[in-house]
Amino acid sequence: MSQRQLTIQKRISEITGEGSHRVQMWVSAYQDIDPNVFVWERRPPVPPETEDIDEYVNVASASDMVEYPVDNPDPELPPFYRKSSIDILFRSVDLMNKALDTIEADLNNLVDNLDYIDTQSAESEIVITGKVLP
């Protein structure tokens, strides 16, 4: 079995005059894993907007990797889909740093969980022993 690996590139920039920070992250290399690890939600437009609004939600879980399609939501399912990148604005450096820590931890958990699932066999035995009653 090959070893899963994700390489994530990150770019942080300040939006001049707004006090916001922009974080862009994308999968730049991967091995034995689908690179579309970021879950997005597509919401209908709210006037005066005329286009759907796509918003980053979270790092995919192992089940999200199977359930959610890539690049666009399935019209028959909830409006979630996966992409290999995110682009987020933060108004606070502290909030940005906390979010980046969470994203990194979630990416590590995803890889660990997928690796764990690979070690599980399709069939196993569980032995349950009851207590002897007087």
C-alpha atoms as a PDB file:
ATOM      1  CA  MET A   1       0.000   0.000   0.000  1.00  0.00           C
ATOM      2  CA  SER A   2       1.331   3.411  -0.894  1.00  0.00           C
ATOM      3  CA  GLN A   3       1.454   6.200   1.626  1.00  0.00           C
ATOM      4  CA  ARG A   4      -1.075   9.007   1.305  1.00  0.00           C
ATOM      5  CA  GLN A   5       0.367  12.457   1.062  1.00  0.00           C
ATOM      6  CA  LEU A   6      -0.977  15.970   0.518  1.00  0.00           C
ATOM      7  CA  THR A   7       1.122  19.039  -0.134  1.00  0.00           C
ATOM      8  CA  ILE A   8      -0.767  22.252   0.508  1.00  0.00           C
ATOM      9  CA  GLN A   9       0.471  25.613  -0.750  1.00  0.00           C
ATOM     10  CA  LYS A  10      -0.623  28.700   1.157  1.00  0.00           C
ATOM     11  CA  ARG A  11      -0.582  32.375   0.250  1.00  0.00           C
ATOM     12  CA  ILE A  12      -1.513  35.093   2.761  1.00  0.00           C
ATOM     13  CA  SER A  13      -1.930  38.663   1.642  1.00  0.00           C
ATOM     14  CA  GLU A  14      -3.251  41.836   3.219  1.00  0.00           C
ATOM     15  CA  ILE A  15      -6.038  43.688   1.481  1.00  0.00           C
ATOM     16  CA  THR A  16      -4.857  47.265   1.620  1.00  0.00           C
ATOM     17  CA  GLY A  17      -7.273  49.747   3.141  1.00  0.00           C
ATOM     18  CA  GLU A  18      -9.688  47.110   4.433  1.00  0.00           C
ATOM     19  CA  GLY A  19      -7.690  45.597   7.278  1.00  0.00           C
ATOM     20  CA  SER A  20      -8.554  42.146   5.938  1.00  0.00           C
ATOM     21  CA  HIS A  21      -6.278  39.236   5.224  1.00  0.00           C
ATOM     22  CA  ARG A  22      -6.793  36.893   2.318  1.00  0.00           C
ATOM     23  CA  VAL A  23      -5.805  33.249   2.646  1.00  0.00           C
ATOM     24  CA  GLN A  24      -5.500  31.126  -0.454  1.00  0.00           C
ATOM     25  CA  MET A  25      -4.697  27.441  -0.092  1.00  0.00           C
ATOM     26  CA  TRP A  26      -4.501  24.764  -2.744  1.00  0.00           C
ATOM     27  CA  VAL A  27      -3.333  21.193  -3.110  1.00  0.00           C
ATOM     28  CA  SER A  28      -0.125  21.392  -5.110  1.00  0.00           C
ATOM     29  CA  ALA A  29       0.826  17.710  -4.920  1.00  0.00           C
ATOM     30  CA  TYR A  30      -0.838  14.533  -3.750  1.00  0.00           C
ATOM     31  CA  GLN A  31      -0.297  10.802  -3.601  1.00  0.00           C
ATOM     32  CA  ASP A  32      -2.938   8.086  -3.180  1.00  0.00           C
ATOM     33  CA  ILE A  33      -5.686  10.589  -2.286  1.00  0.00           C
ATOM     34  CA  ASP A  34      -8.198  12.655  -4.217  1.00  0.00           C
ATOM     35  CA  PRO A  35      -6.878  16.250  -4.066  1.00  0.00           C
ATOM     36  CA  ASN A  36     -10.390  17.732  -3.736  1.00  0.00           C
ATOM     37  CA  VAL A  37     -10.341  17.902   0.064  1.00  0.00           C
ATOM     38  CA  PHE A  38     -12.138  21.210   0.690  1.00  0.00           C
ATOM     39  CA  VAL A  39     -15.947  21.197   1.012  1.00  0.00           C
ATOM     40  CA  TRP A  40     -17.901  24.092  -0.455  1.00  0.00           C
ATOM     41  CA  GLU A  41     -21.594  24.938  -0.313  1.00  0.00           C
ATOM     42  CA  ARG A  42     -23.525  26.551  -3.154  1.00  0.00           C
ATOM     43  CA  ARG A  43     -26.342  28.831  -2.001  1.00  0.00           C
ATOM     44  CA  PRO A  44     -28.904  30.596  -4.151  1.00  0.00           C
ATOM     45  CA  PRO A  45     -28.348  34.299  -4.756  1.00  0.00           C
ATOM     46  CA  VAL A  46     -29.708  36.877  -2.334  1.00  0.00           C
ATOM     47  CA  PRO A  47     -30.777  40.109  -4.069  1.00  0.00           C
ATOM     48  CA  PRO A  48     -29.092  42.216  -5.308  1.00  0.00           C
ATOM     49  CA  GLU A  49     -26.753  39.327  -6.171  1.00  0.00           C
ATOM     50  CA  THR A  50     -27.629  37.558  -9.402  1.00  0.00           C
ATOM     51  CA  GLU A  51     -25.342  34.535  -9.168  1.00  0.00           C
ATOM     52  CA  ASP A  52     -25.157  31.613  -6.773  1.00  0.00           C
ATOM     53  CA  ILE A  53     -22.881  32.122  -3.784  1.00  0.00           C
ATOM     54  CA  ASP A  54     -20.201  29.495  -3.181  1.00  0.00           C
ATOM     55  CA  GLU A  55     -18.736  29.404   0.313  1.00  0.00           C
ATOM     56  CA  TYR A  56     -15.993  27.278   1.844  1.00  0.00           C
ATOM     57  CA  VAL A  57     -17.404  25.101   4.642  1.00  0.00           C
ATOM     58  CA  ASN A  58     -14.723  22.740   5.973  1.00  0.00           C
ATOM     59  CA  VAL A  59     -12.085  20.136   5.206  1.00  0.00           C
ATOM     60  CA  ALA A  60     -13.756  16.989   3.920  1.00  0.00           C
ATOM     61  CA  SER A  61     -14.261  13.990   6.156  1.00  0.00           C
ATOM     62  CA  ALA A  62     -13.689  10.452   4.884  1.00  0.00           C
ATOM     63  CA  SER A  63     -17.417  10.130   4.122  1.00  0.00           C
ATOM     64  CA  ASP A  64     -17.497  13.564   2.425  1.00  0.00           C
ATOM     65  CA  MET A  65     -14.795  12.307   0.065  1.00  0.00           C
ATOM     66  CA  VAL A  66     -17.236   9.639  -1.125  1.00  0.00           C
ATOM     67  CA  GLU A  67     -20.539  11.509  -0.915  1.00  0.00           C
ATOM     68  CA  TYR A  68     -19.799  14.933  -2.387  1.00  0.00           C
ATOM     69  CA  PRO A  69     -19.013  15.451  -6.067  1.00  0.00           C
ATOM     70  CA  VAL A  70     -16.123  17.516  -7.395  1.00  0.00           C
ATOM     71  CA  ASP A  71     -16.473  21.099  -8.704  1.00  0.00           C
ATOM     72  CA  ASN A  72     -20.291  21.360  -8.650  1.00  0.00           C
ATOM     73  CA  PRO A  73     -23.057  20.052  -6.398  1.00  0.00           C
ATOM     74  CA  ASP A  74     -25.307  17.262  -7.603  1.00  0.00           C
ATOM     75  CA  PRO A  75     -28.764  18.821  -8.145  1.00  0.00           C
ATOM     76  CA  GLU A  76     -30.367  15.735  -6.546  1.00  0.00           C
ATOM     77  CA  LEU A  77     -28.315  16.009  -3.333  1.00  0.00           C
ATOM     78  CA  PRO A  78     -27.604  18.743  -0.750  1.00  0.00           C
ATOM     79  CA  PRO A  79     -25.708  21.679  -2.310  1.00  0.00           C
ATOM     80  CA  PHE A  80     -22.221  20.599  -1.245  1.00  0.00           C
ATOM     81  CA  TYR A  81     -19.241  19.781  -3.422  1.00  0.00           C
ATOM     82  CA  ARG A  82     -15.452  19.489  -3.164  1.00  0.00           C
ATOM     83  CA  LYS A  83     -12.588  21.491  -4.619  1.00  0.00           C
ATOM     84  CA  SER A  84      -8.811  21.374  -4.308  1.00  0.00           C
ATOM     85  CA  SER A  85      -8.538  25.008  -3.167  1.00  0.00           C
ATOM     86  CA  ILE A  86      -9.950  27.655  -0.852  1.00  0.00           C
ATOM     87  CA  ASP A  87      -9.888  31.442  -0.856  1.00  0.00           C
ATOM     88  CA  ILE A  88     -11.037  33.090   2.393  1.00  0.00           C
ATOM     89  CA  LEU A  89     -11.034  36.607   3.859  1.00  0.00           C
ATOM     90  CA  PHE A  90     -10.377  37.273   7.555  1.00  0.00           C
ATOM     91  CA  ARG A  91     -10.833  40.550   9.433  1.00  0.00           C
ATOM     92  CA  SER A  92      -8.560  39.450  12.265  1.00  0.00           C
ATOM     93  CA  VAL A  93      -5.068  37.956  12.248  1.00  0.00           C
ATOM     94  CA  ASP A  94      -5.935  35.966  15.378  1.00  0.00           C
ATOM     95  CA  LEU A  95      -9.019  34.445  13.746  1.00  0.00           C
ATOM     96  CA  MET A  96      -7.020  33.695  10.600  1.00  0.00           C
ATOM     97  CA  ASN A  97      -4.306  31.900  12.601  1.00  0.00           C
ATOM     98  CA  LYS A  98      -6.894  29.837  14.506  1.00  0.00           C
ATOM     99  CA  ALA A  99      -8.610  28.888  11.249  1.00  0.00           C
ATOM    100  CA  LEU A 100      -5.297  27.878   9.654  1.00  0.00           C
ATOM    101  CA  ASP A 101      -4.467  25.687  12.670  1.00  0.00           C
ATOM    102  CA  THR A 102      -7.886  24.027  12.429  1.00  0.00           C
ATOM    103  CA  ILE A 103      -7.584  23.455   8.675  1.00  0.00           C
ATOM    104  CA  GLU A 104      -4.143  21.873   9.087  1.00  0.00           C
ATOM    105  CA  ALA A 105      -5.378  19.617  11.916  1.00  0.00           C
ATOM    106  CA  ASP A 106      -8.433  18.603   9.863  1.00  0.00           C
ATOM    107  CA  LEU A 107      -6.261  17.764   6.831  1.00  0.00           C
ATOM    108  CA  ASN A 108      -4.048  15.580   9.032  1.00  0.00           C
ATOM    109  CA  ASN A 109      -7.139  13.886  10.488  1.00  0.00           C
ATOM    110  CA  LEU A 110      -8.512  13.202   7.001  1.00  0.00           C
ATOM    111  CA  VAL A 111      -5.314  11.472   5.906  1.00  0.00           C
ATOM    112  CA  ASP A 112      -5.110   9.529   9.199  1.00  0.00           C
ATOM    113  CA  ASN A 113      -8.762   8.437   8.962  1.00  0.00           C
ATOM    114  CA  LEU A 114      -8.408   7.276   5.361  1.00  0.00           C
ATOM    115  CA  ASP A 115      -5.282   5.339   6.334  1.00  0.00           C
ATOM    116  CA  TYR A 116      -7.154   3.769   9.277  1.00  0.00           C
ATOM    117  CA  ILE A 117     -10.072   2.752   7.053  1.00  0.00           C
ATOM    118  CA  ASP A 118      -7.591   0.968   4.777  1.00  0.00           C
ATOM    119  CA  THR A 119      -6.434  -1.206   7.699  1.00  0.00           C
ATOM    120  CA  GLN A 120      -9.930  -2.447   8.487  1.00  0.00           C
ATOM    121  CA  SER A 121     -10.977  -5.749   6.999  1.00  0.00           C
ATOM    122  CA  ALA A 122     -14.382  -6.237   5.473  1.00  0.00           C
ATOM    123  CA  GLU A 123     -15.134  -9.054   7.894  1.00  0.00           C
ATOM    124  CA  SER A 124     -14.174  -9.552  11.521  1.00  0.00           C
ATOM    125  CA  GLU A 125     -15.327 -11.319  14.645  1.00  0.00           C
ATOM    126  CA  ILE A 126     -16.438  -9.825  17.947  1.00  0.00           C
ATOM    127  CA  VAL A 127     -16.663 -12.050  21.028  1.00  0.00           C
ATOM    128  CA  ILE A 128     -18.968 -10.880  23.807  1.00  0.00           C
ATOM    129  CA  THR A 129     -18.768 -12.656  27.126  1.00  0.00           C
ATOM    130  CA  GLY A 130     -21.520 -12.145  29.668  1.00  0.00           C
ATOM    131  CA  LYS A 131     -21.144 -12.213  33.429  1.00  0.00           C
ATOM    132  CA  VAL A 132     -22.200 -15.356  35.247  1.00  0.00           C
ATOM    133  CA  LEU A 133     -25.185 -14.543  37.423  1.00  0.00           C
ATOM    134  CA  PRO A 134     -25.620 -16.328  40.795  1.00  0.00           C
END
